[in-house]
């Protein structure tokens, strides 16, 4: 599917420049969710069919980030998926994090303070140099929520490996438009309601086998079993041998609405999506006399920007005191020009 064909799967109200807050579902995802809800309403079917969407999502996500499906666990939020990673750190460990990091990839480490875990924050630009022999784990967002800054992934990983440190990445603002190889890190978490365009309440994570061996599945329930349907009652403990042991019981309908959205992204291909998204972001930047960048998220520092955009019907976000605009598959040049007219008139 090419990008022009894919864009026909949406009919957004003009002026949506806020995918960094939440993504819009393509028509197949919306329809699948409505069908499932209609079945639920009248008890037309059993739940097992809805549950099959989880496996489809796991496989599609694994393909997107270049990891084996058995190394992917599912959950509901990025912080929930990071929690067992943080709990596995040794007492007294040091974690290095950018100073402007979204709290879902900050609080899991900070709450370990009672075990002596120390979190050291540094500017993103100095993150590579801050990783040293005393670093046990480095955590960062691949694309920063506040301003769209793209972290130097390869350089950070190389520095961490040189000092024997683990790498935990929040790719929520990257996965779905920015191609990357999750297997280079030890843990990569993604909340799927933004660039993956799924319902809120879907999250996925890559967990490297060596890291999983150090972790304990404290949230284990029936869905973490080797065969979840083979024994719903009683001992013994029979957890899955792979990353599924960290799964939590899925909210069925969220995953039903997630699977078709992932298919659309894979059909179009992330390189083409990246080119489209970044080109639109740069159309806005150059239209405001600013140099182009490499992100699908930009910040606009124009006097009265928020009020101007609201009057024009452009929906964006305010982060760190500045207007943040973000662009995805369904965004058009007309959406960007609508914002430019508001900001330059």
C-alpha atoms as a PDB file:
ATOM      1  CA  UNK A   1       0.000   0.000   0.000  1.00  0.00           C
ATOM      2  CA  UNK A   2       1.449   3.377  -0.936  1.00  0.00           C
ATOM      3  CA  UNK A   3       1.018   6.462   1.173  1.00  0.00           C
ATOM      4  CA  UNK A   4      -1.629   8.064  -1.044  1.00  0.00           C
ATOM      5  CA  UNK A   5      -3.744   4.936  -0.864  1.00  0.00           C
ATOM      6  CA  UNK A   6      -3.278   4.692   2.897  1.00  0.00           C
ATOM      7  CA  UNK A   7      -4.424   8.276   3.476  1.00  0.00           C
ATOM      8  CA  UNK A   8      -7.880   7.310   2.208  1.00  0.00           C
ATOM      9  CA  UNK A   9      -8.300   5.258   5.401  1.00  0.00           C
ATOM     10  CA  UNK A  10      -8.829   8.461   7.421  1.00  0.00           C
ATOM     11  CA  UNK A  11     -11.241  11.378   7.220  1.00  0.00           C
ATOM     12  CA  UNK A  12      -9.938  13.629  10.006  1.00  0.00           C
ATOM     13  CA  UNK A  13     -11.323  17.039  10.746  1.00  0.00           C
ATOM     14  CA  UNK A  14      -8.796  19.446   9.183  1.00  0.00           C
ATOM     15  CA  UNK A  15      -6.142  20.859  11.477  1.00  0.00           C
ATOM     16  CA  UNK A  16      -5.210  17.833  13.617  1.00  0.00           C
ATOM     17  CA  UNK A  17      -1.525  18.379  14.447  1.00  0.00           C
ATOM     18  CA  UNK A  18      -1.417  16.475  17.721  1.00  0.00           C
ATOM     19  CA  UNK A  19      -0.455  12.842  17.145  1.00  0.00           C
ATOM     20  CA  UNK A  20       2.124  13.217  19.916  1.00  0.00           C
ATOM     21  CA  UNK A  21      -0.912  13.340  22.232  1.00  0.00           C
ATOM     22  CA  UNK A  22      -2.939  10.637  20.500  1.00  0.00           C
ATOM     23  CA  UNK A  23      -3.097   9.079  17.069  1.00  0.00           C
ATOM     24  CA  UNK A  24      -6.181   8.694  14.890  1.00  0.00           C
ATOM     25  CA  UNK A  25      -7.324   5.151  14.014  1.00  0.00           C
ATOM     26  CA  UNK A  26      -7.424   4.070  10.376  1.00  0.00           C
ATOM     27  CA  UNK A  27     -10.817   2.879   9.172  1.00  0.00           C
ATOM     28  CA  UNK A  28     -10.024  -0.882   9.453  1.00  0.00           C
ATOM     29  CA  UNK A  29      -9.051  -0.423  13.113  1.00  0.00           C
ATOM     30  CA  UNK A  30     -12.155   1.624  13.900  1.00  0.00           C
ATOM     31  CA  UNK A  31     -14.424  -0.881  12.179  1.00  0.00           C
ATOM     32  CA  UNK A  32     -12.847  -3.874  13.912  1.00  0.00           C
ATOM     33  CA  UNK A  33     -13.372  -2.222  17.280  1.00  0.00           C
ATOM     34  CA  UNK A  34     -17.000  -1.339  16.527  1.00  0.00           C
ATOM     35  CA  UNK A  35     -17.711  -4.907  15.406  1.00  0.00           C
ATOM     36  CA  UNK A  36     -16.247  -6.304  18.623  1.00  0.00           C
ATOM     37  CA  UNK A  37     -18.219  -3.875  20.755  1.00  0.00           C
ATOM     38  CA  UNK A  38     -21.408  -4.781  18.919  1.00  0.00           C
ATOM     39  CA  UNK A  39     -20.760  -8.480  19.587  1.00  0.00           C
ATOM     40  CA  UNK A  40     -20.058  -7.756  23.251  1.00  0.00           C
ATOM     41  CA  UNK A  41     -23.257  -5.746  23.628  1.00  0.00           C
ATOM     42  CA  UNK A  42     -25.516  -8.675  22.754  1.00  0.00           C
ATOM     43  CA  UNK A  43     -23.293 -11.626  23.675  1.00  0.00           C
ATOM     44  CA  UNK A  44     -22.965 -12.825  20.103  1.00  0.00           C
ATOM     45  CA  UNK A  45     -19.631 -14.589  20.540  1.00  0.00           C
ATOM     46  CA  UNK A  46     -17.086 -15.864  23.040  1.00  0.00           C
ATOM     47  CA  UNK A  47     -14.044 -13.825  24.029  1.00  0.00           C
ATOM     48  CA  UNK A  48     -11.313 -16.076  22.641  1.00  0.00           C
ATOM     49  CA  UNK A  49     -11.514 -14.522  19.193  1.00  0.00           C
ATOM     50  CA  UNK A  50     -10.876 -11.077  20.619  1.00  0.00           C
ATOM     51  CA  UNK A  51      -7.854 -12.459  22.434  1.00  0.00           C
ATOM     52  CA  UNK A  52      -6.297 -13.601  19.164  1.00  0.00           C
ATOM     53  CA  UNK A  53      -5.608  -9.963  18.357  1.00  0.00           C
ATOM     54  CA  UNK A  54      -2.891  -9.945  21.023  1.00  0.00           C
ATOM     55  CA  UNK A  55      -0.800 -12.468  19.118  1.00  0.00           C
ATOM     56  CA  UNK A  56      -1.283 -10.532  15.893  1.00  0.00           C
ATOM     57  CA  UNK A  57      -0.118  -7.335  17.587  1.00  0.00           C
ATOM     58  CA  UNK A  58       2.860  -9.030  19.197  1.00  0.00           C
ATOM     59  CA  UNK A  59       4.030 -10.400  15.847  1.00  0.00           C
ATOM     60  CA  UNK A  60       3.457  -7.128  13.982  1.00  0.00           C
ATOM     61  CA  UNK A  61       5.273  -5.058  16.600  1.00  0.00           C
ATOM     62  CA  UNK A  62       8.186  -7.512  16.630  1.00  0.00           C
ATOM     63  CA  UNK A  63       8.476  -7.207  12.875  1.00  0.00           C
ATOM     64  CA  UNK A  64       8.352  -3.407  13.070  1.00  0.00           C
ATOM     65  CA  UNK A  65      11.209  -3.115  15.575  1.00  0.00           C
ATOM     66  CA  UNK A  66      13.243  -6.081  14.270  1.00  0.00           C
ATOM     67  CA  UNK A  67      13.066  -8.486  17.220  1.00  0.00           C
ATOM     68  CA  UNK A  68      11.719 -12.035  17.694  1.00  0.00           C
ATOM     69  CA  UNK A  69       8.072 -12.166  18.754  1.00  0.00           C
ATOM     70  CA  UNK A  70       8.983 -14.344  21.743  1.00  0.00           C
ATOM     71  CA  UNK A  71      10.967 -11.391  23.132  1.00  0.00           C
ATOM     72  CA  UNK A  72       7.895  -9.129  23.178  1.00  0.00           C
ATOM     73  CA  UNK A  73       5.652  -8.696  26.213  1.00  0.00           C
ATOM     74  CA  UNK A  74       2.341  -6.869  26.363  1.00  0.00           C
ATOM     75  CA  UNK A  75       0.795  -4.569  28.923  1.00  0.00           C
ATOM     76  CA  UNK A  76      -1.191  -1.394  29.381  1.00  0.00           C
ATOM     77  CA  UNK A  77       1.367   1.406  29.922  1.00  0.00           C
ATOM     78  CA  UNK A  78       5.045   2.126  29.438  1.00  0.00           C
ATOM     79  CA  UNK A  79       5.718   2.604  33.144  1.00  0.00           C
ATOM     80  CA  UNK A  80       4.032  -0.700  33.992  1.00  0.00           C
ATOM     81  CA  UNK A  81       6.339  -2.502  31.570  1.00  0.00           C
ATOM     82  CA  UNK A  82       9.417  -0.760  32.969  1.00  0.00           C
ATOM     83  CA  UNK A  83       8.545  -1.504  36.600  1.00  0.00           C
ATOM     84  CA  UNK A  84      10.014  -5.042  36.709  1.00  0.00           C
ATOM     85  CA  UNK A  85      13.150  -3.784  34.962  1.00  0.00           C
ATOM     86  CA  UNK A  86      13.597  -1.176  37.683  1.00  0.00           C
ATOM     87  CA  UNK A  87      12.890  -3.710  40.421  1.00  0.00           C
ATOM     88  CA  UNK A  88      15.631  -5.953  39.013  1.00  0.00           C
ATOM     89  CA  UNK A  89      18.344  -3.322  39.433  1.00  0.00           C
ATOM     90  CA  UNK A  90      20.780  -4.121  42.230  1.00  0.00           C
ATOM     91  CA  UNK A  91      20.534  -2.079  45.401  1.00  0.00           C
ATOM     92  CA  UNK A  92      22.648   1.050  45.095  1.00  0.00           C
ATOM     93  CA  UNK A  93      22.543   1.078  41.286  1.00  0.00           C
ATOM     94  CA  UNK A  94      22.993   4.303  39.331  1.00  0.00           C
ATOM     95  CA  UNK A  95      20.611   5.242  36.511  1.00  0.00           C
ATOM     96  CA  UNK A  96      21.414   8.069  34.075  1.00  0.00           C
ATOM     97  CA  UNK A  97      18.430   9.843  32.509  1.00  0.00           C
ATOM     98  CA  UNK A  98      17.975  13.045  30.463  1.00  0.00           C
ATOM     99  CA  UNK A  99      16.895  15.936  32.670  1.00  0.00           C
ATOM    100  CA  UNK A 100      13.774  16.616  30.580  1.00  0.00           C
ATOM    101  CA  UNK A 101      12.466  13.063  30.396  1.00  0.00           C
ATOM    102  CA  UNK A 102       8.791  12.078  30.385  1.00  0.00           C
ATOM    103  CA  UNK A 103       7.963  10.746  33.822  1.00  0.00           C
ATOM    104  CA  UNK A 104       6.856   7.299  32.598  1.00  0.00           C
ATOM    105  CA  UNK A 105      10.561   6.627  31.992  1.00  0.00           C
ATOM    106  CA  UNK A 106      11.669   8.428  35.135  1.00  0.00           C
ATOM    107  CA  UNK A 107       9.355   7.497  38.010  1.00  0.00           C
ATOM    108  CA  UNK A 108      10.008   3.718  37.719  1.00  0.00           C
ATOM    109  CA  UNK A 109      13.646   4.401  38.567  1.00  0.00           C
ATOM    110  CA  UNK A 110      12.985   7.104  41.172  1.00  0.00           C
ATOM    111  CA  UNK A 111      10.663   4.896  43.237  1.00  0.00           C
ATOM    112  CA  UNK A 112      13.597   2.528  43.788  1.00  0.00           C
ATOM    113  CA  UNK A 113      15.314   5.173  45.961  1.00  0.00           C
ATOM    114  CA  UNK A 114      14.553   3.277  49.165  1.00  0.00           C
ATOM    115  CA  UNK A 115      16.840   0.533  47.855  1.00  0.00           C
ATOM    116  CA  UNK A 116      19.585   3.067  47.295  1.00  0.00           C
ATOM    117  CA  UNK A 117      19.041   3.358  43.535  1.00  0.00           C
ATOM    118  CA  UNK A 118      20.369   6.764  42.456  1.00  0.00           C
ATOM    119  CA  UNK A 119      19.004   8.617  39.425  1.00  0.00           C
ATOM    120  CA  UNK A 120      21.364  11.131  37.843  1.00  0.00           C
ATOM    121  CA  UNK A 121      19.822  13.563  35.350  1.00  0.00           C
ATOM    122  CA  UNK A 122      21.874  15.306  32.663  1.00  0.00           C
ATOM    123  CA  UNK A 123      21.091  17.312  29.506  1.00  0.00           C
ATOM    124  CA  UNK A 124      20.206  15.072  26.577  1.00  0.00           C
ATOM    125  CA  UNK A 125      23.098  16.564  24.600  1.00  0.00           C
ATOM    126  CA  UNK A 126      25.481  15.380  27.323  1.00  0.00           C
ATOM    127  CA  UNK A 127      23.959  11.945  27.880  1.00  0.00           C
ATOM    128  CA  UNK A 128      26.606  10.004  25.970  1.00  0.00           C
ATOM    129  CA  UNK A 129      29.469  11.628  27.869  1.00  0.00           C
ATOM    130  CA  UNK A 130      27.690  11.146  31.206  1.00  0.00           C
ATOM    131  CA  UNK A 131      27.707   7.349  30.893  1.00  0.00           C
ATOM    132  CA  UNK A 132      30.675   6.028  32.847  1.00  0.00           C
ATOM    133  CA  UNK A 133      31.932   3.037  34.793  1.00  0.00           C
ATOM    134  CA  UNK A 134      29.529   3.861  37.614  1.00  0.00           C
ATOM    135  CA  UNK A 135      26.452   3.678  35.387  1.00  0.00           C
ATOM    136  CA  UNK A 136      24.268   0.583  35.753  1.00  0.00           C
ATOM    137  CA  UNK A 137      21.477   1.633  33.386  1.00  0.00           C
ATOM    138  CA  UNK A 138      20.812   4.502  31.006  1.00  0.00           C
ATOM    139  CA  UNK A 139      17.174   5.341  30.280  1.00  0.00           C
ATOM    140  CA  UNK A 140      15.928   7.782  27.640  1.00  0.00           C
ATOM    141  CA  UNK A 141      13.175   8.497  25.158  1.00  0.00           C
ATOM    142  CA  UNK A 142      14.148   7.799  21.582  1.00  0.00           C
ATOM    143  CA  UNK A 143      12.157  10.915  20.634  1.00  0.00           C
ATOM    144  CA  UNK A 144      11.521  13.448  23.366  1.00  0.00           C
ATOM    145  CA  UNK A 145       7.903  14.264  24.160  1.00  0.00           C
ATOM    146  CA  UNK A 146       8.559  17.898  25.052  1.00  0.00           C
ATOM    147  CA  UNK A 147      10.249  19.073  21.861  1.00  0.00           C
ATOM    148  CA  UNK A 148      10.647  16.145  19.456  1.00  0.00           C
ATOM    149  CA  UNK A 149      14.418  15.878  19.883  1.00  0.00           C
ATOM    150  CA  UNK A 150      15.697  12.595  18.438  1.00  0.00           C
ATOM    151  CA  UNK A 151      18.202  10.946  20.763  1.00  0.00           C
ATOM    152  CA  UNK A 152      21.508   9.656  19.323  1.00  0.00           C
ATOM    153  CA  UNK A 153      20.459   6.036  19.787  1.00  0.00           C
ATOM    154  CA  UNK A 154      23.560   4.348  18.375  1.00  0.00           C
ATOM    155  CA  UNK A 155      25.956   6.586  20.294  1.00  0.00           C
ATOM    156  CA  UNK A 156      24.132   6.069  23.588  1.00  0.00           C
ATOM    157  CA  UNK A 157      24.046   2.304  23.136  1.00  0.00           C
ATOM    158  CA  UNK A 158      27.749   2.231  22.242  1.00  0.00           C
ATOM    159  CA  UNK A 159      28.668   4.227  25.353  1.00  0.00           C
ATOM    160  CA  UNK A 160      26.508   2.015  27.564  1.00  0.00           C
ATOM    161  CA  UNK A 161      28.042  -1.171  26.159  1.00  0.00           C
ATOM    162  CA  UNK A 162      31.548   0.213  26.659  1.00  0.00           C
ATOM    163  CA  UNK A 163      30.819   0.526  30.382  1.00  0.00           C
ATOM    164  CA  UNK A 164      28.641  -2.580  30.834  1.00  0.00           C
ATOM    165  CA  UNK A 165      25.446  -0.579  31.415  1.00  0.00           C
ATOM    166  CA  UNK A 166      21.922  -1.620  30.509  1.00  0.00           C
ATOM    167  CA  UNK A 167      19.838   0.433  28.077  1.00  0.00           C
ATOM    168  CA  UNK A 168      16.107   1.125  28.549  1.00  0.00           C
ATOM    169  CA  UNK A 169      14.319   3.084  25.843  1.00  0.00           C
ATOM    170  CA  UNK A 170      10.874   4.654  25.752  1.00  0.00           C
ATOM    171  CA  UNK A 171      10.003   4.674  22.056  1.00  0.00           C
ATOM    172  CA  UNK A 172       6.422   5.887  22.479  1.00  0.00           C
ATOM    173  CA  UNK A 173       7.032   9.066  20.463  1.00  0.00           C
ATOM    174  CA  UNK A 174       9.110   7.256  17.820  1.00  0.00           C
ATOM    175  CA  UNK A 175       7.622   3.857  17.048  1.00  0.00           C
ATOM    176  CA  UNK A 176       5.287   4.175  14.089  1.00  0.00           C
ATOM    177  CA  UNK A 177       7.232   6.810  12.172  1.00  0.00           C
ATOM    178  CA  UNK A 178      10.936   6.372  13.013  1.00  0.00           C
ATOM    179  CA  UNK A 179      12.610   3.104  11.917  1.00  0.00           C
ATOM    180  CA  UNK A 180      14.940   1.644  14.563  1.00  0.00           C
ATOM    181  CA  UNK A 181      16.299  -1.683  15.773  1.00  0.00           C
ATOM    182  CA  UNK A 182      15.013  -2.430  19.274  1.00  0.00           C
ATOM    183  CA  UNK A 183      17.366  -5.386  19.674  1.00  0.00           C
ATOM    184  CA  UNK A 184      20.291  -2.983  20.218  1.00  0.00           C
ATOM    185  CA  UNK A 185      18.815  -2.059  23.614  1.00  0.00           C
ATOM    186  CA  UNK A 186      17.914  -4.257  26.599  1.00  0.00           C
ATOM    187  CA  UNK A 187      14.370  -2.952  27.043  1.00  0.00           C
ATOM    188  CA  UNK A 188      12.230  -0.898  24.674  1.00  0.00           C
ATOM    189  CA  UNK A 189       8.729   0.118  25.745  1.00  0.00           C
ATOM    190  CA  UNK A 190       6.005   1.698  23.621  1.00  0.00           C
ATOM    191  CA  UNK A 191       2.603   3.067  24.549  1.00  0.00           C
ATOM    192  CA  UNK A 192       0.621   2.418  21.394  1.00  0.00           C
ATOM    193  CA  UNK A 193      -2.028   5.148  21.405  1.00  0.00           C
ATOM    194  CA  UNK A 194       0.164   7.727  19.700  1.00  0.00           C
ATOM    195  CA  UNK A 195       2.092   6.926  16.492  1.00  0.00           C
ATOM    196  CA  UNK A 196       0.869   3.308  16.447  1.00  0.00           C
ATOM    197  CA  UNK A 197      -2.683   4.711  16.461  1.00  0.00           C
ATOM    198  CA  UNK A 198      -4.184   2.136  18.796  1.00  0.00           C
ATOM    199  CA  UNK A 199      -6.646   2.616  21.648  1.00  0.00           C
ATOM    200  CA  UNK A 200      -5.231   3.892  24.912  1.00  0.00           C
ATOM    201  CA  UNK A 201      -4.412   1.003  27.215  1.00  0.00           C
ATOM    202  CA  UNK A 202      -2.165  -0.903  24.795  1.00  0.00           C
ATOM    203  CA  UNK A 203       1.579  -1.092  25.420  1.00  0.00           C
ATOM    204  CA  UNK A 204       4.304  -3.412  24.152  1.00  0.00           C
ATOM    205  CA  UNK A 205       7.906  -3.989  25.103  1.00  0.00           C
ATOM    206  CA  UNK A 206      10.975  -5.757  23.843  1.00  0.00           C
ATOM    207  CA  UNK A 207      12.827  -7.467  26.694  1.00  0.00           C
ATOM    208  CA  UNK A 208      16.222  -8.960  25.865  1.00  0.00           C
ATOM    209  CA  UNK A 209      16.600 -12.568  27.080  1.00  0.00           C
ATOM    210  CA  UNK A 210      19.619 -11.735  29.254  1.00  0.00           C
ATOM    211  CA  UNK A 211      17.665  -8.972  30.972  1.00  0.00           C
ATOM    212  CA  UNK A 212      14.608 -11.179  31.486  1.00  0.00           C
ATOM    213  CA  UNK A 213      16.741 -13.676  33.378  1.00  0.00           C
ATOM    214  CA  UNK A 214      17.359 -10.977  35.997  1.00  0.00           C
ATOM    215  CA  UNK A 215      13.701  -9.972  36.294  1.00  0.00           C
ATOM    216  CA  UNK A 216      10.842 -11.372  38.385  1.00  0.00           C
ATOM    217  CA  UNK A 217       7.284 -11.358  36.969  1.00  0.00           C
ATOM    218  CA  UNK A 218       5.581  -9.954  40.069  1.00  0.00           C
ATOM    219  CA  UNK A 219       2.379  -9.204  38.154  1.00  0.00           C
ATOM    220  CA  UNK A 220       2.065 -12.766  36.807  1.00  0.00           C
ATOM    221  CA  UNK A 221      -1.489 -13.997  36.311  1.00  0.00           C
ATOM    222  CA  UNK A 222      -3.304 -16.505  34.147  1.00  0.00           C
ATOM    223  CA  UNK A 223      -2.126 -14.832  30.928  1.00  0.00           C
ATOM    224  CA  UNK A 224       1.547 -15.274  31.850  1.00  0.00           C
ATOM    225  CA  UNK A 225       1.235 -19.059  31.882  1.00  0.00           C
ATOM    226  CA  UNK A 226       3.011 -21.321  29.432  1.00  0.00           C
ATOM    227  CA  UNK A 227      -0.419 -22.209  28.044  1.00  0.00           C
ATOM    228  CA  UNK A 228      -2.968 -19.712  29.402  1.00  0.00           C
ATOM    229  CA  UNK A 229      -5.918 -21.895  28.410  1.00  0.00           C
ATOM    230  CA  UNK A 230      -4.612 -25.217  29.743  1.00  0.00           C
ATOM    231  CA  UNK A 231      -5.203 -24.655  33.426  1.00  0.00           C
ATOM    232  CA  UNK A 232      -7.102 -21.741  34.914  1.00  0.00           C
ATOM    233  CA  UNK A 233      -7.059 -23.069  38.482  1.00  0.00           C
ATOM    234  CA  UNK A 234      -4.559 -24.188  41.083  1.00  0.00           C
ATOM    235  CA  UNK A 235      -0.802 -24.787  41.231  1.00  0.00           C
ATOM    236  CA  UNK A 236       1.883 -25.450  40.180  1.00  0.00           C
ATOM    237  CA  UNK A 237       3.373 -22.263  38.784  1.00  0.00           C
ATOM    238  CA  UNK A 238       3.888 -22.801  35.048  1.00  0.00           C
ATOM    239  CA  UNK A 239       5.001 -19.508  33.554  1.00  0.00           C
ATOM    240  CA  UNK A 240       5.878 -19.002  29.898  1.00  0.00           C
ATOM    241  CA  UNK A 241       9.530 -19.524  29.068  1.00  0.00           C
ATOM    242  CA  UNK A 242       9.821 -16.324  27.034  1.00  0.00           C
ATOM    243  CA  UNK A 243       8.771 -12.682  27.408  1.00  0.00           C
ATOM    244  CA  UNK A 244       5.136 -13.712  27.768  1.00  0.00           C
ATOM    245  CA  UNK A 245       5.769 -14.423  31.443  1.00  0.00           C
ATOM    246  CA  UNK A 246       5.627 -10.637  31.904  1.00  0.00           C
ATOM    247  CA  UNK A 247       2.295 -10.246  30.061  1.00  0.00           C
ATOM    248  CA  UNK A 248      -0.706  -8.927  31.922  1.00  0.00           C
ATOM    249  CA  UNK A 249      -4.237  -9.976  31.063  1.00  0.00           C
ATOM    250  CA  UNK A 250      -5.205  -7.982  27.957  1.00  0.00           C
ATOM    251  CA  UNK A 251      -8.123  -5.579  27.682  1.00  0.00           C
ATOM    252  CA  UNK A 252      -9.547  -7.364  24.653  1.00  0.00           C
ATOM    253  CA  UNK A 253     -11.141  -4.538  22.707  1.00  0.00           C
ATOM    254  CA  UNK A 254      -8.032  -2.371  22.803  1.00  0.00           C
ATOM    255  CA  UNK A 255      -6.077  -5.090  21.051  1.00  0.00           C
ATOM    256  CA  UNK A 256      -8.845  -5.698  18.517  1.00  0.00           C
ATOM    257  CA  UNK A 257      -8.527  -2.035  17.540  1.00  0.00           C
ATOM    258  CA  UNK A 258      -4.734  -2.154  17.584  1.00  0.00           C
ATOM    259  CA  UNK A 259      -4.003  -5.012  15.176  1.00  0.00           C
ATOM    260  CA  UNK A 260      -5.357  -3.417  11.946  1.00  0.00           C
ATOM    261  CA  UNK A 261      -3.509  -0.151  12.689  1.00  0.00           C
ATOM    262  CA  UNK A 262      -0.199  -1.999  12.920  1.00  0.00           C
ATOM    263  CA  UNK A 263      -0.966  -3.717   9.625  1.00  0.00           C
ATOM    264  CA  UNK A 264      -1.444  -0.355   7.916  1.00  0.00           C
ATOM    265  CA  UNK A 265       1.876   0.933   9.220  1.00  0.00           C
ATOM    266  CA  UNK A 266       3.706  -2.173   8.065  1.00  0.00           C
ATOM    267  CA  UNK A 267       2.001  -2.098   4.668  1.00  0.00           C
ATOM    268  CA  UNK A 268       3.081   1.484   4.018  1.00  0.00           C
ATOM    269  CA  UNK A 269       6.522   1.032   5.616  1.00  0.00           C
ATOM    270  CA  UNK A 270       8.205   3.206   8.203  1.00  0.00           C
ATOM    271  CA  UNK A 271      10.766   4.755   5.813  1.00  0.00           C
ATOM    272  CA  UNK A 272       7.972   6.209   3.679  1.00  0.00           C
ATOM    273  CA  UNK A 273       6.054   7.336   6.768  1.00  0.00           C
ATOM    274  CA  UNK A 274       9.141   9.006   8.184  1.00  0.00           C
ATOM    275  CA  UNK A 275       9.762  10.878   4.943  1.00  0.00           C
ATOM    276  CA  UNK A 276       6.151  12.070   4.853  1.00  0.00           C
ATOM    277  CA  UNK A 277       5.946  13.088   8.505  1.00  0.00           C
ATOM    278  CA  UNK A 278       9.275  14.903   8.649  1.00  0.00           C
ATOM    279  CA  UNK A 279       8.588  16.712   5.363  1.00  0.00           C
ATOM    280  CA  UNK A 280       5.383  18.144   6.827  1.00  0.00           C
ATOM    281  CA  UNK A 281       7.140  19.123  10.047  1.00  0.00           C
ATOM    282  CA  UNK A 282       9.794  20.922   8.004  1.00  0.00           C
ATOM    283  CA  UNK A 283       7.131  22.622   5.897  1.00  0.00           C
ATOM    284  CA  UNK A 284       5.899  24.247   9.103  1.00  0.00           C
ATOM    285  CA  UNK A 285       9.392  25.132  10.309  1.00  0.00           C
ATOM    286  CA  UNK A 286      10.582  26.662   7.046  1.00  0.00           C
ATOM    287  CA  UNK A 287       7.307  28.517   6.700  1.00  0.00           C
ATOM    288  CA  UNK A 288       8.116  30.177  10.010  1.00  0.00           C
ATOM    289  CA  UNK A 289      11.670  30.964   8.937  1.00  0.00           C
ATOM    290  CA  UNK A 290      13.242  28.233  11.051  1.00  0.00           C
ATOM    291  CA  UNK A 291      15.789  25.642   9.919  1.00  0.00           C
ATOM    292  CA  UNK A 292      14.451  22.181   9.053  1.00  0.00           C
ATOM    293  CA  UNK A 293      14.869  19.276  11.456  1.00  0.00           C
ATOM    294  CA  UNK A 294      14.684  15.492  11.521  1.00  0.00           C
ATOM    295  CA  UNK A 295      11.654  14.918  13.736  1.00  0.00           C
ATOM    296  CA  UNK A 296       7.912  14.481  13.234  1.00  0.00           C
ATOM    297  CA  UNK A 297       7.420  16.658  16.327  1.00  0.00           C
ATOM    298  CA  UNK A 298       8.288  20.360  16.408  1.00  0.00           C
ATOM    299  CA  UNK A 299       7.798  23.201  18.856  1.00  0.00           C
ATOM    300  CA  UNK A 300       6.521  26.593  17.743  1.00  0.00           C
ATOM    301  CA  UNK A 301       7.761  29.657  19.613  1.00  0.00           C
ATOM    302  CA  UNK A 302       5.525  32.379  18.173  1.00  0.00           C
ATOM    303  CA  UNK A 303       3.837  35.059  20.319  1.00  0.00           C
ATOM    304  CA  UNK A 304       0.215  34.068  20.935  1.00  0.00           C
ATOM    305  CA  UNK A 305       0.665  30.800  19.018  1.00  0.00           C
ATOM    306  CA  UNK A 306      -1.778  28.796  21.099  1.00  0.00           C
ATOM    307  CA  UNK A 307      -4.569  31.352  20.776  1.00  0.00           C
ATOM    308  CA  UNK A 308      -3.943  31.864  17.045  1.00  0.00           C
ATOM    309  CA  UNK A 309      -4.088  28.142  16.323  1.00  0.00           C
ATOM    310  CA  UNK A 310      -7.208  27.647  18.421  1.00  0.00           C
ATOM    311  CA  UNK A 311      -9.016  30.438  16.582  1.00  0.00           C
ATOM    312  CA  UNK A 312      -8.116  28.795  13.260  1.00  0.00           C
ATOM    313  CA  UNK A 313      -9.340  25.393  14.438  1.00  0.00           C
ATOM    314  CA  UNK A 314      -5.860  23.850  14.552  1.00  0.00           C
ATOM    315  CA  UNK A 315      -5.429  21.358  17.371  1.00  0.00           C
ATOM    316  CA  UNK A 316      -1.947  21.118  18.822  1.00  0.00           C
ATOM    317  CA  UNK A 317      -0.528  20.787  22.347  1.00  0.00           C
ATOM    318  CA  UNK A 318       1.364  22.986  24.782  1.00  0.00           C
ATOM    319  CA  UNK A 319       4.453  21.394  26.298  1.00  0.00           C
ATOM    320  CA  UNK A 320       7.173  23.121  28.332  1.00  0.00           C
ATOM    321  CA  UNK A 321       5.446  26.437  27.656  1.00  0.00           C
ATOM    322  CA  UNK A 322       5.567  26.160  23.857  1.00  0.00           C
ATOM    323  CA  UNK A 323       3.111  24.953  21.230  1.00  0.00           C
ATOM    324  CA  UNK A 324       3.967  21.464  20.041  1.00  0.00           C
ATOM    325  CA  UNK A 325       2.839  20.279  16.608  1.00  0.00           C
ATOM    326  CA  UNK A 326       3.138  16.704  15.366  1.00  0.00           C
ATOM    327  CA  UNK A 327       2.525  15.046  12.023  1.00  0.00           C
ATOM    328  CA  UNK A 328       1.595  11.560  10.846  1.00  0.00           C
ATOM    329  CA  UNK A 329       0.200   9.546   7.960  1.00  0.00           C
ATOM    330  CA  UNK A 330      -3.158  11.331   7.862  1.00  0.00           C
ATOM    331  CA  UNK A 331      -1.649  14.843   8.061  1.00  0.00           C
ATOM    332  CA  UNK A 332      -1.701  16.824   4.811  1.00  0.00           C
ATOM    333  CA  UNK A 333       0.008  19.915   3.436  1.00  0.00           C
ATOM    334  CA  UNK A 334      -3.349  21.658   3.801  1.00  0.00           C
ATOM    335  CA  UNK A 335      -3.252  21.001   7.556  1.00  0.00           C
ATOM    336  CA  UNK A 336       0.212  22.545   7.759  1.00  0.00           C
ATOM    337  CA  UNK A 337      -0.762  25.553   5.643  1.00  0.00           C
ATOM    338  CA  UNK A 338      -3.796  26.058   7.867  1.00  0.00           C
ATOM    339  CA  UNK A 339      -1.415  26.384  10.832  1.00  0.00           C
ATOM    340  CA  UNK A 340       0.994  28.621   8.904  1.00  0.00           C
ATOM    341  CA  UNK A 341      -1.817  30.980   7.922  1.00  0.00           C
ATOM    342  CA  UNK A 342      -2.825  31.282  11.564  1.00  0.00           C
ATOM    343  CA  UNK A 343       0.703  31.877  12.795  1.00  0.00           C
ATOM    344  CA  UNK A 344       1.867  34.327  10.129  1.00  0.00           C
ATOM    345  CA  UNK A 345      -1.243  36.417   9.528  1.00  0.00           C
END
